[in-house]
Amino acid sequence: MTGNAICPGSVRTDLTNKLFDQREKEIIDAIPLRRIGTPEDIAEVVAFLVTVSPNFITGEVIDVDGGQYVN
């Protein structure tokens, strides 16, 4: 069994729409990939982690944020 964490950045959802509508340009300007994330962006990483392919990846924190919070 493996254990990993996904840390999403700015992701547009029903709960965040109002914030993004008010500050969209400011938020996008802070993201190197120049777009707000989608739930599908997060789902793709989840799908990758649940496949057999990454079976030797464990204990990782994966930022899915378009480079917004580069470590």
N, C-alpha and C. Protein backbone atom coordinates (compact mmCIF):
# COMPACT_ATOMS: atom_id res chain seq x y z
N MET A 1 0.84 -1.18 0.00
CA MET A 1 0.00 0.00 0.00
C MET A 1 0.89 1.24 0.00
N THR A 2 0.45 2.26 -0.72
CA THR A 2 1.19 3.52 -0.76
C THR A 2 0.36 4.62 -0.11
N GLY A 3 1.02 5.68 0.28
CA GLY A 3 0.32 6.83 0.88
C GLY A 3 0.87 8.12 0.30
N ASN A 4 0.05 8.85 -0.40
CA ASN A 4 0.45 10.11 -1.02
C ASN A 4 -0.63 11.15 -0.77
N ALA A 5 -0.26 12.41 -0.92
CA ALA A 5 -1.22 13.50 -0.73
C ALA A 5 -1.24 14.38 -1.97
N ILE A 6 -2.41 14.88 -2.30
CA ILE A 6 -2.56 15.83 -3.40
C ILE A 6 -2.95 17.17 -2.80
N CYS A 7 -2.19 18.21 -3.16
CA CYS A 7 -2.47 19.56 -2.68
C CYS A 7 -2.91 20.42 -3.86
N PRO A 8 -4.21 20.61 -4.01
CA PRO A 8 -4.69 21.41 -5.14
C PRO A 8 -4.44 22.90 -4.90
N GLY A 9 -4.20 23.60 -5.98
CA GLY A 9 -4.08 25.05 -5.92
C GLY A 9 -5.46 25.66 -6.14
N SER A 10 -5.50 26.72 -6.92
CA SER A 10 -6.77 27.39 -7.23
C SER A 10 -7.56 26.53 -8.21
N VAL A 11 -8.70 26.04 -7.76
CA VAL A 11 -9.54 25.17 -8.58
C VAL A 11 -10.96 25.75 -8.61
N ARG A 12 -11.48 25.90 -9.82
CA ARG A 12 -12.84 26.45 -9.96
C ARG A 12 -13.87 25.36 -9.65
N THR A 13 -14.70 25.65 -8.65
CA THR A 13 -15.80 24.76 -8.25
C THR A 13 -17.01 25.63 -7.95
N ASP A 14 -18.13 25.01 -7.65
CA ASP A 14 -19.32 25.77 -7.27
C ASP A 14 -19.03 26.67 -6.06
N LEU A 15 -18.20 26.18 -5.14
CA LEU A 15 -17.90 26.96 -3.93
C LEU A 15 -16.92 28.11 -4.18
N THR A 16 -16.09 28.02 -5.22
CA THR A 16 -15.08 29.06 -5.46
C THR A 16 -15.44 30.00 -6.59
N ASN A 17 -16.51 29.75 -7.31
CA ASN A 17 -16.87 30.59 -8.45
C ASN A 17 -16.97 32.08 -8.10
N LYS A 18 -17.61 32.40 -7.00
CA LYS A 18 -17.79 33.81 -6.62
C LYS A 18 -16.44 34.50 -6.42
N LEU A 19 -15.53 33.84 -5.71
CA LEU A 19 -14.20 34.40 -5.49
C LEU A 19 -13.48 34.61 -6.82
N PHE A 20 -13.51 33.59 -7.68
CA PHE A 20 -12.80 33.70 -8.95
C PHE A 20 -13.43 34.74 -9.86
N ASP A 21 -14.74 34.87 -9.81
CA ASP A 21 -15.40 35.89 -10.63
C ASP A 21 -14.95 37.29 -10.22
N GLN A 22 -14.72 37.49 -8.92
CA GLN A 22 -14.32 38.80 -8.40
C GLN A 22 -12.83 39.10 -8.62
N ARG A 23 -11.98 38.07 -8.60
CA ARG A 23 -10.52 38.29 -8.62
C ARG A 23 -9.81 37.45 -9.68
N GLU A 24 -10.50 37.08 -10.75
CA GLU A 24 -9.96 36.13 -11.72
C GLU A 24 -8.63 36.57 -12.31
N LYS A 25 -8.52 37.81 -12.78
CA LYS A 25 -7.27 38.27 -13.40
C LYS A 25 -6.12 38.21 -12.40
N GLU A 26 -6.34 38.66 -11.20
CA GLU A 26 -5.31 38.64 -10.15
C GLU A 26 -4.84 37.21 -9.87
N ILE A 27 -5.78 36.29 -9.79
CA ILE A 27 -5.43 34.90 -9.50
C ILE A 27 -4.69 34.27 -10.67
N ILE A 28 -5.18 34.47 -11.88
CA ILE A 28 -4.52 33.91 -13.06
C ILE A 28 -3.11 34.47 -13.22
N ASP A 29 -2.93 35.74 -12.92
CA ASP A 29 -1.59 36.35 -13.01
C ASP A 29 -0.59 35.70 -12.07
N ALA A 30 -1.06 35.07 -11.00
CA ALA A 30 -0.18 34.42 -10.03
C ALA A 30 0.10 32.96 -10.38
N ILE A 31 -0.49 32.46 -11.46
CA ILE A 31 -0.33 31.06 -11.85
C ILE A 31 0.49 30.99 -13.13
N PRO A 32 1.68 30.40 -13.09
CA PRO A 32 2.53 30.34 -14.29
C PRO A 32 1.85 29.72 -15.51
N LEU A 33 0.96 28.75 -15.34
CA LEU A 33 0.27 28.15 -16.49
C LEU A 33 -0.89 29.00 -16.98
N ARG A 34 -1.16 30.11 -16.32
CA ARG A 34 -2.12 31.14 -16.72
C ARG A 34 -3.56 30.66 -16.88
N ARG A 35 -3.98 29.79 -15.97
CA ARG A 35 -5.39 29.41 -15.92
C ARG A 35 -5.71 28.87 -14.54
N ILE A 36 -6.98 28.94 -14.21
CA ILE A 36 -7.47 28.37 -12.96
C ILE A 36 -7.71 26.89 -13.20
N GLY A 37 -7.38 26.08 -12.22
CA GLY A 37 -7.53 24.64 -12.35
C GLY A 37 -8.99 24.21 -12.36
N THR A 38 -9.17 22.96 -12.76
CA THR A 38 -10.51 22.38 -12.80
C THR A 38 -10.51 21.11 -11.94
N PRO A 39 -11.68 20.67 -11.53
CA PRO A 39 -11.74 19.40 -10.81
C PRO A 39 -11.14 18.25 -11.63
N GLU A 40 -11.25 18.34 -12.94
CA GLU A 40 -10.68 17.30 -13.80
C GLU A 40 -9.15 17.26 -13.71
N ASP A 41 -8.52 18.42 -13.50
CA ASP A 41 -7.06 18.46 -13.32
C ASP A 41 -6.66 17.63 -12.10
N ILE A 42 -7.42 17.74 -11.03
CA ILE A 42 -7.14 16.99 -9.81
C ILE A 42 -7.45 15.50 -10.05
N ALA A 43 -8.56 15.23 -10.72
CA ALA A 43 -8.97 13.85 -10.97
C ALA A 43 -7.93 13.09 -11.78
N GLU A 44 -7.25 13.76 -12.71
CA GLU A 44 -6.23 13.09 -13.50
C GLU A 44 -5.08 12.60 -12.63
N VAL A 45 -4.70 13.39 -11.64
CA VAL A 45 -3.61 12.98 -10.73
C VAL A 45 -4.09 11.83 -9.85
N VAL A 46 -5.32 11.91 -9.37
CA VAL A 46 -5.88 10.81 -8.57
C VAL A 46 -5.89 9.53 -9.40
N ALA A 47 -6.34 9.62 -10.64
CA ALA A 47 -6.39 8.44 -11.52
C ALA A 47 -5.00 7.85 -11.71
N PHE A 48 -3.99 8.71 -11.88
CA PHE A 48 -2.62 8.23 -12.02
C PHE A 48 -2.18 7.49 -10.77
N LEU A 49 -2.46 8.05 -9.61
CA LEU A 49 -1.99 7.45 -8.36
C LEU A 49 -2.68 6.13 -8.03
N VAL A 50 -3.86 5.89 -8.56
CA VAL A 50 -4.55 4.64 -8.24
C VAL A 50 -4.27 3.54 -9.27
N THR A 51 -3.44 3.83 -10.26
CA THR A 51 -3.07 2.80 -11.23
C THR A 51 -1.90 2.00 -10.70
N VAL A 52 -1.57 0.95 -11.38
CA VAL A 52 -0.42 0.12 -11.01
C VAL A 52 0.88 0.87 -11.31
N SER A 53 0.88 1.77 -12.28
CA SER A 53 2.10 2.45 -12.73
C SER A 53 2.92 3.10 -11.61
N PRO A 54 2.31 3.90 -10.72
CA PRO A 54 3.12 4.54 -9.68
C PRO A 54 3.26 3.71 -8.41
N ASN A 55 3.34 2.41 -8.53
CA ASN A 55 3.30 1.57 -7.33
C ASN A 55 4.55 1.67 -6.45
N PHE A 56 5.55 2.43 -6.87
CA PHE A 56 6.73 2.62 -6.02
C PHE A 56 6.85 4.08 -5.58
N ILE A 57 5.77 4.85 -5.76
CA ILE A 57 5.71 6.23 -5.28
C ILE A 57 4.93 6.21 -3.97
N THR A 58 5.56 6.68 -2.89
CA THR A 58 4.86 6.74 -1.61
C THR A 58 5.43 7.86 -0.77
N GLY A 59 4.62 8.39 0.10
CA GLY A 59 5.06 9.45 1.00
C GLY A 59 5.27 10.79 0.30
N GLU A 60 4.62 10.98 -0.82
CA GLU A 60 4.81 12.21 -1.59
C GLU A 60 3.63 13.17 -1.43
N VAL A 61 3.94 14.45 -1.51
CA VAL A 61 2.94 15.50 -1.54
C VAL A 61 3.01 16.08 -2.95
N ILE A 62 1.92 15.94 -3.70
CA ILE A 62 1.92 16.35 -5.09
C ILE A 62 1.08 17.63 -5.23
N ASP A 63 1.75 18.72 -5.59
CA ASP A 63 1.07 19.99 -5.82
C ASP A 63 0.46 19.96 -7.21
N VAL A 64 -0.83 20.22 -7.28
CA VAL A 64 -1.54 20.30 -8.56
C VAL A 64 -2.09 21.72 -8.62
N ASP A 65 -1.21 22.64 -9.00
CA ASP A 65 -1.54 24.05 -8.88
C ASP A 65 -1.06 24.92 -10.05
N GLY A 66 -0.68 24.31 -11.14
CA GLY A 66 -0.23 25.08 -12.29
C GLY A 66 1.04 25.88 -12.03
N GLY A 67 1.77 25.51 -10.98
CA GLY A 67 3.00 26.21 -10.63
C GLY A 67 2.78 27.39 -9.70
N GLN A 68 1.57 27.55 -9.18
CA GLN A 68 1.23 28.69 -8.33
C GLN A 68 2.09 28.75 -7.08
N TYR A 69 2.37 27.61 -6.51
CA TYR A 69 3.17 27.56 -5.28
C TYR A 69 4.39 26.70 -5.51
N VAL A 70 5.31 27.18 -6.31
CA VAL A 70 6.50 26.42 -6.65
C VAL A 70 7.36 26.25 -5.41
N ASN A 71 7.72 25.01 -5.12
CA ASN A 71 8.55 24.70 -3.95
C ASN A 71 10.01 24.78 -4.32
